[in-house]
Amino acid sequence: MKEDGTAATPREAGKITAEDIERARRQIGVPKFSFNPPFNRFAATDTLSRFAWACGDDNPLWHSEEYGGSTRWGRQLGFPLFLHSTGINLTPKPSEEMKALFKGLFRGVGKYYTGVNWVWWRPVFPGDQLYVERVTSEVKVNERSSFSGGISVTEVYRDLWVDREGVPVGSREEAYLSAEREGSKKSGRYAGIERQSYTPEDIARIDEVYAAERRRGAETRYWEDVAVGETLTPVAKGPLTMVDIIAMHMGLGLSSSGIGPLRYNWRQRRRMPAFYVNDRFGVPDVVQRVHWDHERALELGLPTSYDYGQMRTSWLIHLVTNWMGDDAWLWQLECQSRAFNFMGDTTICSGEVVDKRVEGTHRVVELKLAGTNQRGEISAPGRAVVILPSRAGGAVKLPQPPAERLERGARIIPGA
């Protein structure tokens, strides 16, 4: 899960108010201006490769122009989640009225990533420059949250990426839960969980999963050859270490919040003081540090720091793209974050074919996915829809965006 919220002071716990809920609902459908540029302004051979590296996926389709040139795509491809790190926001700067609508929403309240639904219509190639628009698409209120024991609010954000002509490339619906930062301590949900220890035999069993990983690659997987009930070769992720968190930031950047090192951090602290909470030495530091700061996690009633939801999405993508091969197309993927994935946890990603069907010109298969930790908890259930080549129907035809997305995309680029 990802925490992106704000906090007023080290000891002040924010409250969810009726006024903030009403204001969140008024934001539905209103494009959000971003003060922060994307980490990857362009798709380039190096940035695409670095992003896939950050996700722990060594598929040469994401890393090599030479290898990509040998496939039906003719180029190196961007790892599907690369969209998360790119996209220039052209939404005009907000008026004073719009600033008042968005400023300080759920102040002092923790914000936790709970899941995402992705759709992809076009590949990303080296040299591409993309644009993105974000709006709130839904606001849901839970009067009795299992996470915090009190009221919580889920906001769903819709991002739409388009090319220079305004043609949609991909979209996602991403959900975040707002709850009091002390909620995890109050609920006691993670009481009794300690950081995982491993024996040499435990590590050897995990290493066996890594060694058994198989990539379909250039061997075409035809729709006719797939059977319902077929399982995917598992993919191991972990035990989670600080290097994994650092590497993820090397591909994605620090966050959409615009934080950075030294002077960059000072500038952002002046603009977003509520995003910083003093540590026990009196140093103001970002609330996001719960992903790498063990002591901050303990303050919130958690056993230790934890991963980002984006990481788990990338892990399920790795699993699916390994299975489907170079000639297929990952059309849709859903990933939920059901529980924290703590430092030291190991996740085994697995999947099963649950349906195959014809949708218009597409031969598709539906996959049920799961990321399961060493405690036996499914922390990341998911689902994917893949378009496969067909002996009868030929090569994959890329899906078309729905009319509403085409119309919206055309408005994102002025004069397109």
Protein backbone atom coordinates (compact mmCIF):
# COMPACT_ATOMS: atom_id res chain seq x y z
CA MET A 1 0.00 0.00 0.00
CA LYS A 2 1.12 3.54 -0.62
CA GLU A 3 0.70 6.41 1.84
CA ASP A 4 0.52 9.82 0.20
CA GLY A 5 -1.43 11.89 2.71
CA THR A 6 -0.60 14.92 4.80
CA ALA A 7 -0.15 15.58 8.51
CA ALA A 8 -0.35 18.87 10.36
CA THR A 9 2.01 18.22 13.29
CA PRO A 10 3.83 15.18 14.68
CA ARG A 11 1.19 14.61 17.36
CA GLU A 12 -1.93 15.84 15.63
CA ALA A 13 -4.24 13.24 14.14
CA GLY A 14 -6.44 14.49 11.30
CA LYS A 15 -10.17 13.95 11.23
CA ILE A 16 -12.45 13.24 8.28
CA THR A 17 -15.12 15.91 8.16
CA ALA A 18 -18.45 16.18 6.36
CA GLU A 19 -17.18 19.36 4.72
CA ASP A 20 -14.20 17.56 3.21
CA ILE A 21 -16.39 14.71 1.95
CA GLU A 22 -18.71 17.19 0.27
CA ARG A 23 -15.74 18.99 -1.29
CA ALA A 24 -14.26 15.70 -2.51
CA ARG A 25 -17.54 14.94 -4.28
CA ARG A 26 -17.49 18.35 -5.94
CA GLN A 27 -14.12 17.43 -7.47
CA ILE A 28 -15.61 14.56 -9.48
CA GLY A 29 -14.91 15.11 -13.18
CA VAL A 30 -12.78 18.23 -12.64
CA PRO A 31 -9.28 17.91 -14.22
CA LYS A 32 -6.51 18.28 -11.64
CA PHE A 33 -3.61 20.64 -12.28
CA SER A 34 -0.16 19.29 -11.36
CA PHE A 35 2.66 21.49 -10.10
CA ASN A 36 5.11 18.61 -10.51
CA PRO A 37 6.52 17.43 -13.87
CA PRO A 38 6.60 13.70 -14.61
CA PHE A 39 9.76 11.85 -13.62
CA ASN A 40 10.15 10.52 -17.19
CA ARG A 41 9.23 13.34 -19.57
CA PHE A 42 9.93 11.16 -22.61
CA ALA A 43 9.99 7.47 -23.34
CA ALA A 44 13.59 6.67 -24.28
CA THR A 45 15.52 3.44 -24.65
CA ASP A 46 17.27 4.04 -21.34
CA THR A 47 14.25 5.25 -19.35
CA LEU A 48 12.13 2.32 -20.55
CA SER A 49 14.86 -0.14 -19.62
CA ARG A 50 15.47 1.47 -16.24
CA PHE A 51 11.78 1.33 -15.39
CA ALA A 52 11.54 -2.39 -16.14
CA TRP A 53 14.74 -2.92 -14.14
CA ALA A 54 13.15 -1.11 -11.19
CA CYS A 55 10.26 -3.58 -11.38
CA GLY A 56 12.65 -6.53 -11.35
CA ASP A 57 11.66 -7.71 -14.84
CA ASP A 58 14.55 -8.69 -17.14
CA ASN A 59 12.40 -9.44 -20.21
CA PRO A 60 14.51 -8.23 -23.19
CA LEU A 61 11.37 -6.84 -24.85
CA TRP A 62 11.49 -4.02 -22.27
CA HIS A 63 15.27 -3.53 -22.46
CA SER A 64 16.62 -4.02 -25.98
CA GLU A 65 15.91 -2.22 -29.25
CA GLU A 66 17.65 -5.06 -31.07
CA TYR A 67 15.46 -7.70 -29.46
CA GLY A 68 12.32 -5.61 -29.91
CA GLY A 69 13.16 -5.21 -33.57
CA SER A 70 12.95 -8.98 -33.99
CA THR A 71 9.35 -9.08 -32.70
CA ARG A 72 6.06 -8.21 -34.40
CA TRP A 73 6.27 -4.75 -32.73
CA GLY A 74 9.53 -3.87 -34.47
CA ARG A 75 10.75 -1.84 -31.50
CA GLN A 76 11.60 -2.05 -27.84
CA LEU A 77 8.37 -1.75 -25.82
CA GLY A 78 7.64 0.09 -22.62
CA PHE A 79 6.77 -2.07 -19.61
CA PRO A 80 3.00 -1.53 -19.27
CA LEU A 81 3.27 0.27 -15.91
CA PHE A 82 5.71 2.80 -17.43
CA LEU A 83 2.72 5.10 -17.95
CA HIS A 84 2.72 5.70 -14.19
CA SER A 85 6.05 7.55 -14.46
CA THR A 86 5.30 9.71 -17.49
CA GLY A 87 2.71 12.03 -18.98
CA ILE A 88 2.75 15.83 -19.13
CA ASN A 89 -0.30 17.42 -17.52
CA LEU A 90 -1.65 20.25 -19.69
CA THR A 91 -4.49 21.22 -17.33
CA PRO A 92 -4.34 25.03 -16.90
CA LYS A 93 -3.35 26.49 -13.55
CA PRO A 94 -6.40 26.64 -11.29
CA SER A 95 -8.35 29.78 -10.57
CA GLU A 96 -8.65 30.96 -6.98
CA GLU A 97 -12.00 29.18 -6.80
CA MET A 98 -10.44 25.91 -7.99
CA LYS A 99 -7.53 26.32 -5.56
CA ALA A 100 -10.02 26.61 -2.73
CA LEU A 101 -11.78 23.46 -3.95
CA PHE A 102 -8.62 21.33 -3.88
CA LYS A 103 -6.47 22.87 -1.14
CA GLY A 104 -6.02 21.02 2.14
CA LEU A 105 -8.50 18.21 1.52
CA PHE A 106 -8.51 15.65 4.38
CA ARG A 107 -5.71 17.55 6.11
CA GLY A 108 -3.74 15.45 8.57
CA VAL A 109 -5.35 12.22 7.34
CA GLY A 110 -3.44 9.23 5.98
CA LYS A 111 -4.03 8.23 2.39
CA TYR A 112 -3.49 4.58 1.46
CA TYR A 113 -3.39 2.98 -1.98
CA THR A 114 -5.95 0.14 -2.18
CA GLY A 115 -6.07 -0.95 -5.81
CA VAL A 116 -6.14 -0.18 -9.50
CA ASN A 117 -7.81 -1.14 -12.79
CA TRP A 118 -5.63 -0.64 -15.87
CA VAL A 119 -6.56 -0.65 -19.57
CA TRP A 120 -3.99 -0.41 -22.40
CA TRP A 121 -4.79 0.32 -26.05
CA ARG A 122 -1.42 1.18 -27.60
CA PRO A 123 2.25 0.33 -26.89
CA VAL A 124 4.81 2.89 -25.76
CA PHE A 125 7.92 3.08 -27.95
CA PRO A 126 11.24 4.93 -27.52
CA GLY A 127 10.76 8.55 -28.58
CA ASP A 128 7.12 8.78 -27.52
CA GLN A 129 5.93 11.74 -25.48
CA LEU A 130 2.64 11.31 -23.67
CA TYR A 131 0.16 13.58 -21.93
CA VAL A 132 -2.11 12.78 -19.02
CA GLU A 133 -5.27 14.07 -17.42
CA ARG A 134 -6.41 13.12 -13.89
CA VAL A 135 -9.90 13.50 -12.47
CA THR A 136 -11.74 12.13 -9.46
CA SER A 137 -14.24 9.62 -10.82
CA GLU A 138 -15.86 8.38 -7.59
CA VAL A 139 -16.06 9.09 -3.85
CA LYS A 140 -17.24 6.36 -1.46
CA VAL A 141 -17.80 6.75 2.30
CA ASN A 142 -17.48 3.88 4.78
CA GLU A 143 -18.91 4.71 8.18
CA ARG A 144 -17.16 1.78 9.88
CA SER A 145 -13.79 0.98 8.35
CA SER A 146 -12.06 -2.28 9.25
CA PHE A 147 -8.77 -0.43 8.78
CA SER A 148 -9.31 2.50 11.14
CA GLY A 149 -12.30 1.41 13.17
CA GLY A 150 -14.05 4.65 12.20
CA ILE A 151 -15.12 6.58 9.13
CA SER A 152 -13.01 6.29 5.98
CA VAL A 153 -13.32 7.67 2.47
CA THR A 154 -12.26 6.01 -0.78
CA GLU A 155 -11.49 8.32 -3.69
CA VAL A 156 -11.08 6.83 -7.15
CA TYR A 157 -8.90 8.77 -9.59
CA ARG A 158 -9.03 8.26 -13.34
CA ASP A 159 -5.88 8.92 -15.36
CA LEU A 160 -5.98 9.01 -19.16
CA TRP A 161 -2.74 9.01 -21.18
CA VAL A 162 -2.76 10.19 -24.81
CA ASP A 163 -0.21 10.75 -27.54
CA ARG A 164 0.58 14.03 -29.30
CA GLU A 165 -2.59 13.74 -31.37
CA GLY A 166 -4.79 13.09 -28.35
CA VAL A 167 -5.24 9.38 -29.16
CA PRO A 168 -5.67 7.36 -25.94
CA VAL A 169 -2.78 5.04 -25.06
CA GLY A 170 -3.90 3.78 -21.66
CA SER A 171 -6.08 4.55 -18.67
CA ARG A 172 -6.45 3.54 -15.05
CA GLU A 173 -8.88 3.87 -12.17
CA GLU A 174 -6.82 4.08 -8.97
CA ALA A 175 -8.36 3.92 -5.48
CA TYR A 176 -7.05 5.53 -2.30
CA LEU A 177 -8.45 5.13 1.21
CA SER A 178 -8.34 8.15 3.52
CA ALA A 179 -8.30 7.26 7.22
CA GLU A 180 -6.84 8.61 10.43
CA ARG A 181 -3.11 7.95 10.63
CA GLU A 182 -3.55 6.34 14.02
CA GLY A 183 -6.16 3.99 12.59
CA SER A 184 -3.88 1.01 12.19
CA LYS A 185 -2.84 1.34 15.83
CA LYS A 186 -6.43 1.66 17.05
CA SER A 187 -7.73 -1.30 15.07
CA GLY A 188 -4.88 -3.57 16.17
CA ARG A 189 -5.07 -5.33 12.82
CA TYR A 190 -1.31 -5.87 12.64
CA ALA A 191 -0.73 -6.61 16.32
CA GLY A 192 1.46 -9.67 16.78
CA ILE A 193 3.06 -9.51 13.32
CA GLU A 194 6.84 -9.32 13.43
CA ARG A 195 9.37 -8.94 10.65
CA GLN A 196 9.93 -12.30 8.97
CA SER A 197 13.09 -14.29 9.69
CA TYR A 198 14.43 -16.92 7.29
CA THR A 199 16.56 -20.02 7.56
CA PRO A 200 18.96 -21.00 4.76
CA GLU A 201 16.39 -23.66 3.80
CA ASP A 202 13.67 -20.99 3.51
CA ILE A 203 15.83 -18.91 1.16
CA ALA A 204 16.65 -22.01 -0.87
CA ARG A 205 12.94 -22.68 -1.44
CA ILE A 206 12.41 -19.08 -2.62
CA ASP A 207 15.44 -19.38 -4.88
CA GLU A 208 13.87 -22.46 -6.47
CA VAL A 209 10.92 -20.31 -7.57
CA TYR A 210 13.26 -17.72 -9.06
CA ALA A 211 15.18 -20.45 -10.88
CA ALA A 212 12.01 -22.04 -12.26
CA GLU A 213 10.66 -18.80 -13.75
CA ARG A 214 9.89 -19.19 -17.45
CA ARG A 215 9.36 -16.52 -20.10
CA ARG A 216 7.35 -17.43 -23.21
CA GLY A 217 9.14 -14.79 -25.26
CA ALA A 218 9.33 -15.43 -29.00
CA GLU A 219 7.45 -18.74 -28.80
CA THR A 220 3.94 -17.71 -29.86
CA ARG A 221 1.15 -18.70 -27.48
CA TYR A 222 -1.95 -19.32 -29.60
CA TRP A 223 -5.45 -18.86 -28.22
CA GLU A 224 -6.48 -22.30 -29.46
CA ASP A 225 -3.80 -23.96 -27.31
CA VAL A 226 -4.93 -22.42 -24.02
CA ALA A 227 -7.21 -24.38 -21.68
CA VAL A 228 -9.33 -23.13 -18.80
CA GLY A 229 -7.67 -24.31 -15.59
CA GLU A 230 -4.15 -23.93 -16.97
CA THR A 231 -1.79 -22.38 -14.42
CA LEU A 232 0.94 -19.78 -14.89
CA THR A 233 4.52 -20.43 -13.81
CA PRO A 234 4.88 -18.57 -10.48
CA VAL A 235 7.11 -15.52 -10.08
CA ALA A 236 8.96 -14.81 -6.82
CA LYS A 237 9.28 -11.29 -5.38
CA GLY A 238 11.30 -10.97 -2.20
CA PRO A 239 12.22 -11.14 0.55
CA LEU A 240 11.53 -7.40 0.29
CA THR A 241 14.59 -5.28 1.09
CA MET A 242 15.47 -1.60 1.17
CA VAL A 243 17.25 -2.06 -2.18
CA ASP A 244 13.89 -3.00 -3.73
CA ILE A 245 12.34 0.25 -2.47
CA ILE A 246 15.32 2.32 -3.66
CA ALA A 247 15.31 0.63 -7.06
CA MET A 248 11.60 1.31 -7.50
CA HIS A 249 12.24 5.02 -6.92
CA MET A 250 15.02 4.91 -9.51
CA GLY A 251 12.45 3.92 -12.12
CA LEU A 252 9.37 5.83 -10.93
CA GLY A 253 10.95 8.82 -9.26
CA LEU A 254 10.20 9.73 -5.65
CA SER A 255 6.46 10.30 -6.10
CA SER A 256 3.86 12.51 -7.73
CA SER A 257 4.13 14.74 -4.64
CA GLY A 258 7.25 16.38 -6.06
CA ILE A 259 9.56 15.63 -3.15
CA GLY A 260 13.29 15.46 -3.79
CA PRO A 261 16.74 15.84 -2.27
CA LEU A 262 18.16 18.85 -0.42
CA ARG A 263 17.09 22.15 -2.03
CA TYR A 264 14.27 20.41 -3.93
CA ASN A 265 12.98 19.12 -0.61
CA TRP A 266 13.27 22.56 0.98
CA ARG A 267 11.27 24.12 -1.85
CA GLN A 268 8.57 21.47 -1.60
CA ARG A 269 8.42 21.79 2.19
CA ARG A 270 7.69 25.50 1.78
CA ARG A 271 4.88 24.72 -0.65
CA MET A 272 3.49 21.63 1.14
CA PRO A 273 4.37 21.96 4.85
CA ALA A 274 1.59 19.56 5.88
CA PHE A 275 3.33 16.75 3.95
CA TYR A 276 6.22 16.86 6.43
CA VAL A 277 6.32 15.48 9.97
CA ASN A 278 9.24 15.96 12.34
CA ASP A 279 11.19 12.85 13.25
CA ARG A 280 12.33 12.26 16.82
CA PHE A 281 15.39 14.41 16.18
CA GLY A 282 13.28 17.39 15.12
CA VAL A 283 13.99 17.03 11.41
CA PRO A 284 10.97 17.62 9.14
CA ASP A 285 10.64 14.63 6.82
CA VAL A 286 7.98 13.43 4.41
CA VAL A 287 5.11 11.28 5.68
CA GLN A 288 5.92 8.99 2.76
CA ARG A 289 8.98 7.82 4.70
CA VAL A 290 6.80 5.12 6.29
CA HIS A 291 7.91 3.07 3.25
CA TRP A 292 11.53 3.10 4.43
CA ASP A 293 11.51 4.43 8.02
CA HIS A 294 11.03 1.63 10.55
CA GLU A 295 10.49 4.03 13.46
CA ARG A 296 7.77 5.97 11.64
CA ALA A 297 5.98 2.71 10.89
CA LEU A 298 6.11 1.78 14.59
CA GLU A 299 4.56 5.14 15.48
CA LEU A 300 1.59 4.21 13.29
CA GLY A 301 1.12 0.83 14.93
CA LEU A 302 2.79 -1.18 12.16
CA PRO A 303 5.55 -3.76 12.67
CA THR A 304 7.89 -2.15 10.13
CA SER A 305 7.95 -0.23 6.83
CA TYR A 306 6.22 -1.58 3.75
CA ASP A 307 6.08 -1.59 -0.04
CA TYR A 308 4.22 0.50 -2.61
CA GLY A 309 1.03 -0.68 -4.27
CA GLN A 310 2.59 0.11 -7.65
CA MET A 311 5.21 -2.55 -6.96
CA ARG A 312 2.60 -5.28 -6.62
CA THR A 313 0.92 -4.19 -9.83
CA SER A 314 4.26 -4.47 -11.62
CA TRP A 315 4.76 -7.96 -10.14
CA LEU A 316 1.45 -9.22 -11.53
CA ILE A 317 2.28 -7.64 -14.90
CA HIS A 318 5.61 -9.51 -14.84
CA LEU A 319 3.76 -12.78 -14.18
CA VAL A 320 1.27 -12.26 -17.01
CA THR A 321 3.70 -11.01 -19.66
CA ASN A 322 6.02 -13.92 -18.93
CA TRP A 323 3.16 -16.29 -19.70
CA MET A 324 1.60 -14.63 -22.73
CA GLY A 325 4.72 -14.09 -24.87
CA ASP A 326 5.89 -11.33 -27.20
CA ASP A 327 3.06 -11.61 -29.75
CA ALA A 328 0.19 -11.12 -27.28
CA TRP A 329 -1.33 -7.94 -25.81
CA LEU A 330 -2.06 -7.24 -22.15
CA TRP A 331 -5.39 -5.43 -22.43
CA GLN A 332 -6.65 -5.11 -18.86
CA LEU A 333 -5.24 -5.74 -15.41
CA GLU A 334 -6.73 -5.30 -11.95
CA CYS A 335 -4.67 -5.45 -8.75
CA GLN A 336 -5.94 -4.89 -5.23
CA SER A 337 -3.84 -4.17 -2.14
CA ARG A 338 -5.52 -6.13 0.63
CA ALA A 339 -2.78 -5.96 3.27
CA PHE A 340 0.55 -4.30 3.89
CA ASN A 341 3.56 -6.03 2.34
CA PHE A 342 6.16 -5.47 5.02
CA MET A 343 9.91 -5.25 4.74
CA GLY A 344 11.20 -8.83 4.72
CA ASP A 345 7.99 -10.31 3.29
CA THR A 346 8.13 -12.63 0.30
CA THR A 347 5.39 -12.61 -2.32
CA ILE A 348 4.81 -15.48 -4.74
CA CYS A 349 2.76 -14.36 -7.74
CA SER A 350 0.55 -17.03 -9.32
CA GLY A 351 -2.27 -17.25 -11.83
CA GLU A 352 -4.81 -19.46 -13.54
CA VAL A 353 -6.81 -19.29 -16.76
CA VAL A 354 -10.47 -18.94 -15.78
CA ASP A 355 -12.06 -18.12 -19.14
CA LYS A 356 -11.38 -17.93 -22.88
CA ARG A 357 -13.73 -16.28 -25.33
CA VAL A 358 -14.12 -14.30 -28.53
CA GLU A 359 -14.83 -10.59 -28.14
CA GLY A 360 -15.44 -9.06 -31.55
CA THR A 361 -12.18 -9.49 -33.47
CA HIS A 362 -10.24 -10.47 -30.35
CA ARG A 363 -9.43 -13.91 -28.99
CA VAL A 364 -9.07 -13.28 -25.27
CA VAL A 365 -8.28 -15.20 -22.13
CA GLU A 366 -9.11 -14.11 -18.61
CA LEU A 367 -6.67 -14.83 -15.80
CA LYS A 368 -7.18 -14.93 -12.05
CA LEU A 369 -4.07 -13.66 -10.28
CA ALA A 370 -2.76 -13.63 -6.74
CA GLY A 371 0.22 -12.35 -4.80
CA THR A 372 0.55 -14.51 -1.68
CA ASN A 373 2.95 -13.77 1.17
CA GLN A 374 4.86 -16.20 3.38
CA ARG A 375 2.05 -16.04 5.96
CA GLY A 376 -0.33 -17.49 3.39
CA GLU A 377 -2.24 -14.22 2.97
CA ILE A 378 -3.32 -13.13 -0.50
CA SER A 379 -2.18 -9.54 -0.21
CA ALA A 380 -2.65 -8.74 -3.91
CA PRO A 381 -5.55 -10.48 -5.67
CA GLY A 382 -5.92 -9.57 -9.31
CA ARG A 383 -7.37 -10.25 -12.72
CA ALA A 384 -6.09 -9.81 -16.26
CA VAL A 385 -7.49 -9.97 -19.78
CA VAL A 386 -5.01 -10.88 -22.52
CA ILE A 387 -5.51 -10.84 -26.29
CA LEU A 388 -3.72 -13.78 -27.91
CA PRO A 389 -2.82 -14.56 -31.53
CA SER A 390 -5.05 -17.13 -33.17
CA ARG A 391 -4.36 -19.72 -35.83
CA ALA A 392 -7.81 -19.02 -37.23
CA GLY A 393 -7.96 -15.26 -36.64
CA GLY A 394 -4.35 -14.26 -37.18
CA ALA A 395 -2.18 -11.78 -35.29
CA VAL A 396 -3.38 -9.69 -32.39
CA LYS A 397 -5.38 -6.61 -33.32
CA LEU A 398 -4.98 -3.81 -30.82
CA PRO A 399 -8.19 -2.91 -28.96
CA GLN A 400 -9.96 0.37 -29.65
CA PRO A 401 -10.63 2.89 -26.88
CA PRO A 402 -14.33 3.46 -26.14
CA ALA A 403 -15.95 6.54 -27.67
CA GLU A 404 -15.97 8.43 -24.37
CA ARG A 405 -12.20 8.03 -23.99
CA LEU A 406 -11.58 9.05 -27.60
CA GLU A 407 -13.66 12.19 -27.09
CA ARG A 408 -11.96 13.00 -23.79
CA GLY A 409 -8.50 12.37 -25.25
CA ALA A 410 -9.14 14.77 -28.10
CA ARG A 411 -9.80 17.54 -25.56
CA ILE A 412 -6.59 16.98 -23.62
CA ILE A 413 -4.32 18.29 -26.41
CA PRO A 414 -5.16 21.92 -27.31
CA GLY A 415 -5.68 22.22 -31.04
CA ALA A 416 -5.21 18.49 -31.70
